[in-house]
Amino acid sequence: MNATIFSSPVFVKDGNCIVREIVTIDGAIDFLEEWPESRRDLIHKTALKACYDAHDGYKPVDVVRQAFISFAKRACILEDPASVMPWISPSKSGRGTEAV
């Protein structure tokens, strides 16, 4: 398993209420870097620092995932995987998943 991949995805709403699946440290960094500056707080800063620390090999991936979840909960953007998964179905080609 790749050292930057989360053990399970984290689903979050972006500013347009589109649900995004975050599965890697890089994905979490991208999401946090795109977060509006006016909405950043200490939890955002802590989650972003944890991401960069893990990217550099100083923190384990599960710590980053938990920090990202804490940020998402605080920002009220965390989505329950059970409510998201019914919207994902097997692709017609049988080689993965696609949003319906």
C-alpha atoms as a PDB file:
ATOM      1  CA  MET A   1       0.000   0.000   0.000  1.00  0.00           C
ATOM      2  CA  ASN A   2       1.243   3.481  -0.859  1.00  0.00           C
ATOM      3  CA  ALA A   3       2.433   5.400   2.215  1.00  0.00           C
ATOM      4  CA  THR A   4       0.343   8.450   1.244  1.00  0.00           C
ATOM      5  CA  ILE A   5      -3.033   6.722   0.813  1.00  0.00           C
ATOM      6  CA  PHE A   6      -5.663   6.906   3.572  1.00  0.00           C
ATOM      7  CA  SER A   7      -6.965   3.634   5.002  1.00  0.00           C
ATOM      8  CA  SER A   8     -10.442   4.703   3.852  1.00  0.00           C
ATOM      9  CA  PRO A   9     -11.674   7.757   1.962  1.00  0.00           C
ATOM     10  CA  VAL A  10     -12.945  10.922   3.605  1.00  0.00           C
ATOM     11  CA  PHE A  11     -15.936  12.555   1.920  1.00  0.00           C
ATOM     12  CA  VAL A  12     -16.323  16.326   2.198  1.00  0.00           C
ATOM     13  CA  LYS A  13     -18.481  19.005   0.595  1.00  0.00           C
ATOM     14  CA  ASP A  14     -16.626  21.734  -1.216  1.00  0.00           C
ATOM     15  CA  GLY A  15     -17.898  25.306  -1.471  1.00  0.00           C
ATOM     16  CA  ASN A  16     -20.354  24.336  -4.216  1.00  0.00           C
ATOM     17  CA  CYS A  17     -21.918  21.518  -2.175  1.00  0.00           C
ATOM     18  CA  ILE A  18     -20.244  18.978  -4.430  1.00  0.00           C
ATOM     19  CA  VAL A  19     -19.027  15.968  -2.489  1.00  0.00           C
ATOM     20  CA  ARG A  20     -15.334  15.250  -2.950  1.00  0.00           C
ATOM     21  CA  GLU A  21     -13.570  12.026  -2.045  1.00  0.00           C
ATOM     22  CA  ILE A  22     -10.206  12.627  -0.357  1.00  0.00           C
ATOM     23  CA  VAL A  23      -8.019   9.505  -0.395  1.00  0.00           C
ATOM     24  CA  THR A  24      -4.426  10.752  -0.175  1.00  0.00           C
ATOM     25  CA  ILE A  25      -2.264  13.213   1.712  1.00  0.00           C
ATOM     26  CA  ASP A  26      -1.824  15.203  -1.517  1.00  0.00           C
ATOM     27  CA  GLY A  27      -5.590  15.352  -1.981  1.00  0.00           C
ATOM     28  CA  ALA A  28      -6.007  16.653   1.566  1.00  0.00           C
ATOM     29  CA  ILE A  29      -3.274  19.251   0.997  1.00  0.00           C
ATOM     30  CA  ASP A  30      -4.930  20.427  -2.219  1.00  0.00           C
ATOM     31  CA  PHE A  31      -8.311  20.715  -0.511  1.00  0.00           C
ATOM     32  CA  LEU A  32      -6.887  22.606   2.468  1.00  0.00           C
ATOM     33  CA  GLU A  33      -4.842  24.941   0.258  1.00  0.00           C
ATOM     34  CA  GLU A  34      -7.993  25.772  -1.746  1.00  0.00           C
ATOM     35  CA  TRP A  35      -9.971  26.521   1.434  1.00  0.00           C
ATOM     36  CA  PRO A  36     -10.951  30.228   1.584  1.00  0.00           C
ATOM     37  CA  GLU A  37      -8.526  32.285   3.678  1.00  0.00           C
ATOM     38  CA  SER A  38     -11.431  33.990   5.439  1.00  0.00           C
ATOM     39  CA  ARG A  39     -12.594  30.598   6.788  1.00  0.00           C
ATOM     40  CA  ARG A  40      -9.192  29.319   7.938  1.00  0.00           C
ATOM     41  CA  ASP A  41      -8.653  28.809  11.660  1.00  0.00           C
ATOM     42  CA  LEU A  42      -6.338  26.979  14.035  1.00  0.00           C
ATOM     43  CA  ILE A  43      -7.821  23.578  13.175  1.00  0.00           C
ATOM     44  CA  HIS A  44      -7.262  24.253   9.466  1.00  0.00           C
ATOM     45  CA  LYS A  45      -3.684  25.295  10.163  1.00  0.00           C
ATOM     46  CA  THR A  46      -3.075  22.198  12.304  1.00  0.00           C
ATOM     47  CA  ALA A  47      -4.534  19.851   9.677  1.00  0.00           C
ATOM     48  CA  LEU A  48      -2.470  21.458   6.914  1.00  0.00           C
ATOM     49  CA  LYS A  49       0.717  21.225   9.007  1.00  0.00           C
ATOM     50  CA  ALA A  50      -0.018  17.549   9.727  1.00  0.00           C
ATOM     51  CA  CYS A  51      -0.416  16.955   5.989  1.00  0.00           C
ATOM     52  CA  TYR A  52       2.918  18.556   5.167  1.00  0.00           C
ATOM     53  CA  ASP A  53       4.624  16.719   8.048  1.00  0.00           C
ATOM     54  CA  ALA A  54       3.290  13.378   6.790  1.00  0.00           C
ATOM     55  CA  HIS A  55       4.226  14.268   3.222  1.00  0.00           C
ATOM     56  CA  ASP A  56       7.795  14.777   4.480  1.00  0.00           C
ATOM     57  CA  GLY A  57       7.694  11.506   6.444  1.00  0.00           C
ATOM     58  CA  TYR A  58       7.391  12.971   9.961  1.00  0.00           C
ATOM     59  CA  LYS A  59       3.830  11.859  10.763  1.00  0.00           C
ATOM     60  CA  PRO A  60       1.883   8.693   9.978  1.00  0.00           C
ATOM     61  CA  VAL A  61      -0.930   8.820   7.423  1.00  0.00           C
ATOM     62  CA  ASP A  62      -3.597   7.863   9.981  1.00  0.00           C
ATOM     63  CA  VAL A  63      -2.754  10.999  12.014  1.00  0.00           C
ATOM     64  CA  VAL A  64      -3.280  13.125   8.906  1.00  0.00           C
ATOM     65  CA  ARG A  65      -6.578  11.430   8.115  1.00  0.00           C
ATOM     66  CA  GLN A  66      -7.835  12.093  11.642  1.00  0.00           C
ATOM     67  CA  ALA A  67      -6.648  15.736  11.530  1.00  0.00           C
ATOM     68  CA  PHE A  68      -8.433  16.199   8.200  1.00  0.00           C
ATOM     69  CA  ILE A  69     -11.618  14.653   9.622  1.00  0.00           C
ATOM     70  CA  SER A  70     -11.423  17.004  12.628  1.00  0.00           C
ATOM     71  CA  PHE A  71     -11.083  19.969  10.279  1.00  0.00           C
ATOM     72  CA  ALA A  72     -14.035  18.771   8.166  1.00  0.00           C
ATOM     73  CA  LYS A  73     -16.230  18.269  11.240  1.00  0.00           C
ATOM     74  CA  ARG A  74     -15.407  21.740  12.541  1.00  0.00           C
ATOM     75  CA  ALA A  75     -16.128  23.267   9.120  1.00  0.00           C
ATOM     76  CA  CYS A  76     -19.419  21.276   8.897  1.00  0.00           C
ATOM     77  CA  ILE A  77     -18.425  19.755   5.563  1.00  0.00           C
ATOM     78  CA  LEU A  78     -17.853  16.115   6.554  1.00  0.00           C
ATOM     79  CA  GLU A  79     -20.146  13.701   4.733  1.00  0.00           C
ATOM     80  CA  ASP A  80     -21.144  10.274   6.002  1.00  0.00           C
ATOM     81  CA  PRO A  81     -19.741   7.612   3.649  1.00  0.00           C
ATOM     82  CA  ALA A  82     -22.975   5.616   3.950  1.00  0.00           C
ATOM     83  CA  SER A  83     -24.962   8.514   2.502  1.00  0.00           C
ATOM     84  CA  VAL A  84     -22.488   9.045  -0.343  1.00  0.00           C
ATOM     85  CA  MET A  85     -21.890   5.454  -1.423  1.00  0.00           C
ATOM     86  CA  PRO A  86     -25.433   4.797  -2.809  1.00  0.00           C
ATOM     87  CA  TRP A  87     -24.689   7.474  -5.425  1.00  0.00           C
ATOM     88  CA  ILE A  88     -21.720   5.504  -6.706  1.00  0.00           C
ATOM     89  CA  SER A  89     -22.443   2.523  -8.902  1.00  0.00           C
ATOM     90  CA  PRO A  90     -20.388   0.105 -11.000  1.00  0.00           C
ATOM     91  CA  SER A  91     -19.440   1.495 -14.380  1.00  0.00           C
ATOM     92  CA  LYS A  92     -20.923  -0.037 -17.497  1.00  0.00           C
ATOM     93  CA  SER A  93     -17.475  -1.223 -18.521  1.00  0.00           C
ATOM     94  CA  GLY A  94     -17.051  -3.071 -15.231  1.00  0.00           C
ATOM     95  CA  ARG A  95     -13.660  -1.424 -14.573  1.00  0.00           C
ATOM     96  CA  GLY A  96     -14.306   0.737 -11.515  1.00  0.00           C
ATOM     97  CA  THR A  97     -16.919   3.157 -10.309  1.00  0.00           C
ATOM     98  CA  GLU A  98     -18.561   6.271 -11.586  1.00  0.00           C
ATOM     99  CA  ALA A  99     -20.927   8.775 -10.032  1.00  0.00           C
ATOM    100  CA  VAL A 100     -24.560   8.407 -11.067  1.00  0.00           C
END
